[in-house]
C-alpha atoms as a PDB file:
ATOM      1  CA  MET A   1      56.724  57.666 278.826  1.00  0.00           C
ATOM      2  CA  CYS A   2      54.469  58.554 275.992  1.00  0.00           C
ATOM      3  CA  ARG A   3      51.184  56.655 275.995  1.00  0.00           C
ATOM      4  CA  ASN A   4      51.359  56.280 272.211  1.00  0.00           C
ATOM      5  CA  ILE A   5      54.341  53.961 272.437  1.00  0.00           C
ATOM      6  CA  VAL A   6      53.044  50.450 272.956  1.00  0.00           C
ATOM      7  CA  PRO A   7      55.019  47.352 273.973  1.00  0.00           C
ATOM      8  CA  LEU A   8      56.210  45.556 270.842  1.00  0.00           C
ATOM      9  CA  ASN A   9      57.986  42.575 272.364  1.00  0.00           C
ATOM     10  CA  ASN A  10      56.590  39.059 272.242  1.00  0.00           C
ATOM     11  CA  LEU A  11      53.593  39.757 270.009  1.00  0.00           C
ATOM     12  CA  GLU A  12      51.956  37.431 267.551  1.00  0.00           C
ATOM     13  CA  PRO A  13      52.461  38.328 264.760  1.00  0.00           C
ATOM     14  CA  ALA A  14      55.798  39.950 265.492  1.00  0.00           C
ATOM     15  CA  ALA A  15      56.279  43.715 265.391  1.00  0.00           C
ATOM     16  CA  THR A  16      56.826  45.149 261.936  1.00  0.00           C
ATOM     17  CA  ASP A  17      59.531  47.563 260.828  1.00  0.00           C
ATOM     18  CA  GLU A  18      56.796  50.191 260.457  1.00  0.00           C
ATOM     19  CA  GLU A  19      55.801  49.744 264.113  1.00  0.00           C
ATOM     20  CA  CYS A  20      59.456  50.099 265.137  1.00  0.00           C
ATOM     21  CA  HIS A  21      59.676  53.289 263.082  1.00  0.00           C
ATOM     22  CA  ASP A  22      56.453  54.674 264.585  1.00  0.00           C
ATOM     23  CA  ALA A  23      57.697  53.996 268.120  1.00  0.00           C
ATOM     24  CA  ALA A  24      61.037  55.621 267.304  1.00  0.00           C
ATOM     25  CA  LEU A  25      59.266  58.646 265.836  1.00  0.00           C
ATOM     26  CA  GLN A  26      57.130  59.070 268.978  1.00  0.00           C
ATOM     27  CA  PHE A  27      60.225  58.721 271.155  1.00  0.00           C
ATOM     28  CA  VAL A  28      62.204  61.322 269.203  1.00  0.00           C
ATOM     29  CA  ARG A  29      59.228  63.689 269.188  1.00  0.00           C
ATOM     30  CA  LYS A  30      58.964  63.359 272.965  1.00  0.00           C
ATOM     31  CA  ILE A  31      62.691  63.916 273.525  1.00  0.00           C
ATOM     32  CA  ALA A  32      62.890  66.814 271.040  1.00  0.00           C
ATOM     33  CA  GLY A  33      59.739  68.405 272.395  1.00  0.00           C
ATOM     34  CA  THR A  34      58.258  68.910 268.949  1.00  0.00           C
ATOM     35  CA  THR A  35      56.136  66.941 266.523  1.00  0.00           C
ATOM     36  CA  LYS A  36      57.635  68.614 263.466  1.00  0.00           C
ATOM     37  CA  PRO A  37      61.228  69.830 263.454  1.00  0.00           C
ATOM     38  CA  SER A  38      62.327  72.990 261.690  1.00  0.00           C
ATOM     39  CA  ARG A  39      63.960  72.631 258.286  1.00  0.00           C
ATOM     40  CA  ALA A  40      67.314  73.277 259.957  1.00  0.00           C
ATOM     41  CA  ASN A  41      66.791  70.266 262.248  1.00  0.00           C
ATOM     42  CA  GLN A  42      64.960  67.914 259.865  1.00  0.00           C
ATOM     43  CA  GLU A  43      68.039  65.893 258.877  1.00  0.00           C
ATOM     44  CA  VAL A  44      69.164  65.378 262.482  1.00  0.00           C
ATOM     45  CA  PHE A  45      65.613  64.496 263.517  1.00  0.00           C
ATOM     46  CA  ASP A  46      65.205  61.959 260.690  1.00  0.00           C
ATOM     47  CA  ARG A  47      68.610  60.419 261.391  1.00  0.00           C
ATOM     48  CA  ALA A  48      67.709  59.990 265.075  1.00  0.00           C
ATOM     49  CA  VAL A  49      64.424  58.304 264.142  1.00  0.00           C
ATOM     50  CA  ALA A  50      66.212  55.927 261.744  1.00  0.00           C
ATOM     51  CA  GLU A  51      68.897  55.033 264.286  1.00  0.00           C
ATOM     52  CA  ILE A  52      66.388  54.409 267.062  1.00  0.00           C
ATOM     53  CA  ALA A  53      64.129  52.373 264.761  1.00  0.00           C
ATOM     54  CA  GLU A  54      67.131  50.233 263.805  1.00  0.00           C
ATOM     55  CA  SER A  55      68.084  49.765 267.460  1.00  0.00           C
ATOM     56  CA  THR A  56      64.488  48.907 268.309  1.00  0.00           C
ATOM     57  CA  ARG A  57      64.326  46.304 265.550  1.00  0.00           C
ATOM     58  CA  ARG A  58      67.624  44.780 266.714  1.00  0.00           C
ATOM     59  CA  LEU A  59      66.425  44.728 270.338  1.00  0.00           C
ATOM     60  CA  LEU A  60      63.144  43.027 269.466  1.00  0.00           C
ATOM     61  CA  ASP A  61      64.915  40.479 267.267  1.00  0.00           C
ATOM     62  CA  GLU A  62      67.372  39.564 270.023  1.00  0.00           C
ATOM     63  CA  LEU A  63      65.105  39.498 273.074  1.00  0.00           C
ATOM     64  CA  VAL A  64      64.179  36.031 274.325  1.00  0.00           C
ATOM     65  CA  THR A  65      61.366  35.065 276.656  1.00  0.00           C
ATOM     66  CA  PRO A  66      59.826  31.794 277.811  1.00  0.00           C
ATOM     67  CA  ALA A  67      56.375  33.439 277.879  1.00  0.00           C
ATOM     68  CA  PRO A  68      53.931  32.606 275.112  1.00  0.00           C
ATOM     69  CA  PRO A  69      53.387  35.369 272.533  1.00  0.00           C
ATOM     70  CA  LYS A  70      50.698  37.930 273.366  1.00  0.00           C
ATOM     71  CA  ASN A  71      47.637  38.254 271.192  1.00  0.00           C
ATOM     72  CA  ARG A  72      47.592  41.663 269.496  1.00  0.00           C
ATOM     73  CA  ALA A  73      43.810  42.030 269.628  1.00  0.00           C
ATOM     74  CA  GLU A  74      43.679  41.218 273.349  1.00  0.00           C
ATOM     75  CA  GLU A  75      46.501  43.656 274.115  1.00  0.00           C
ATOM     76  CA  ALA A  76      44.783  46.392 272.090  1.00  0.00           C
ATOM     77  CA  ALA A  77      41.520  45.758 273.965  1.00  0.00           C
ATOM     78  CA  LYS A  78      43.360  46.087 277.301  1.00  0.00           C
ATOM     79  CA  ARG A  79      44.898  49.409 276.195  1.00  0.00           C
ATOM     80  CA  GLN A  80      41.507  50.690 275.067  1.00  0.00           C
ATOM     81  CA  ALA A  81      39.917  49.697 278.378  1.00  0.00           C
ATOM     82  CA  ARG A  82      42.655  51.485 280.362  1.00  0.00           C
ATOM     83  CA  SER A  83      42.231  54.551 278.188  1.00  0.00           C
ATOM     84  CA  ALA A  84      38.458  54.578 278.606  1.00  0.00           C
ATOM     85  CA  GLU A  85      38.857  54.221 282.364  1.00  0.00           C
ATOM     86  CA  ARG A  86      41.377  57.067 282.480  1.00  0.00           C
ATOM     87  CA  TYR A  87      39.191  59.388 280.404  1.00  0.00           C
ATOM     88  CA  GLU A  88      36.103  58.517 282.442  1.00  0.00           C
ATOM     89  CA  ALA A  89      37.984  59.429 285.626  1.00  0.00           C
ATOM     90  CA  ILE A  90      38.972  62.760 284.055  1.00  0.00           C
ATOM     91  CA  ARG A  91      35.381  63.391 282.957  1.00  0.00           C
ATOM     92  CA  VAL A  92      34.048  62.666 286.474  1.00  0.00           C
ATOM     93  CA  PHE A  93      36.693  64.906 288.041  1.00  0.00           C
ATOM     94  CA  GLN A  94      35.832  67.785 285.714  1.00  0.00           C
ATOM     95  CA  GLN A  95      32.127  67.311 286.358  1.00  0.00           C
ATOM     96  CA  GLU A  96      32.710  67.404 290.145  1.00  0.00           C
ATOM     97  CA  LYS A  97      34.875  70.516 289.752  1.00  0.00           C
ATOM     98  CA  ARG A  98      32.131  72.287 287.757  1.00  0.00           C
ATOM     99  CA  ALA A  99      29.535  71.315 290.348  1.00  0.00           C
ATOM    100  CA  ALA A 100      31.712  72.647 293.173  1.00  0.00           C
ATOM    101  CA  ARG A 101      32.195  75.941 291.335  1.00  0.00           C
ATOM    102  CA  ALA A 102      28.470  76.227 290.690  1.00  0.00           C
ATOM    103  CA  ALA A 103      27.707  75.562 294.361  1.00  0.00           C
ATOM    104  CA  SER A 104      30.060  78.287 295.603  1.00  0.00           C
END
């Protein structure tokens, strides 16, 4: 799934409607294969985003868990660390690839 969609359940403070909309927008963009629909598809695209945002809000409101709420700042720091690790691995790989090409 798209890396831009972050878990919204069990956060303190709770997920906002804007976050639900943003997640729905990313989901629809991924499914549609475009970040900006044509004018002919704009209405369908917007309707899909609204419906998914509404479903997301309903899902988050109805989910129950015995786990304590997660701290937003801590979760963001974990995501940033994973991202930095991933990009460092890519950088090292590309550097090794360049070195191998230069050696041959």
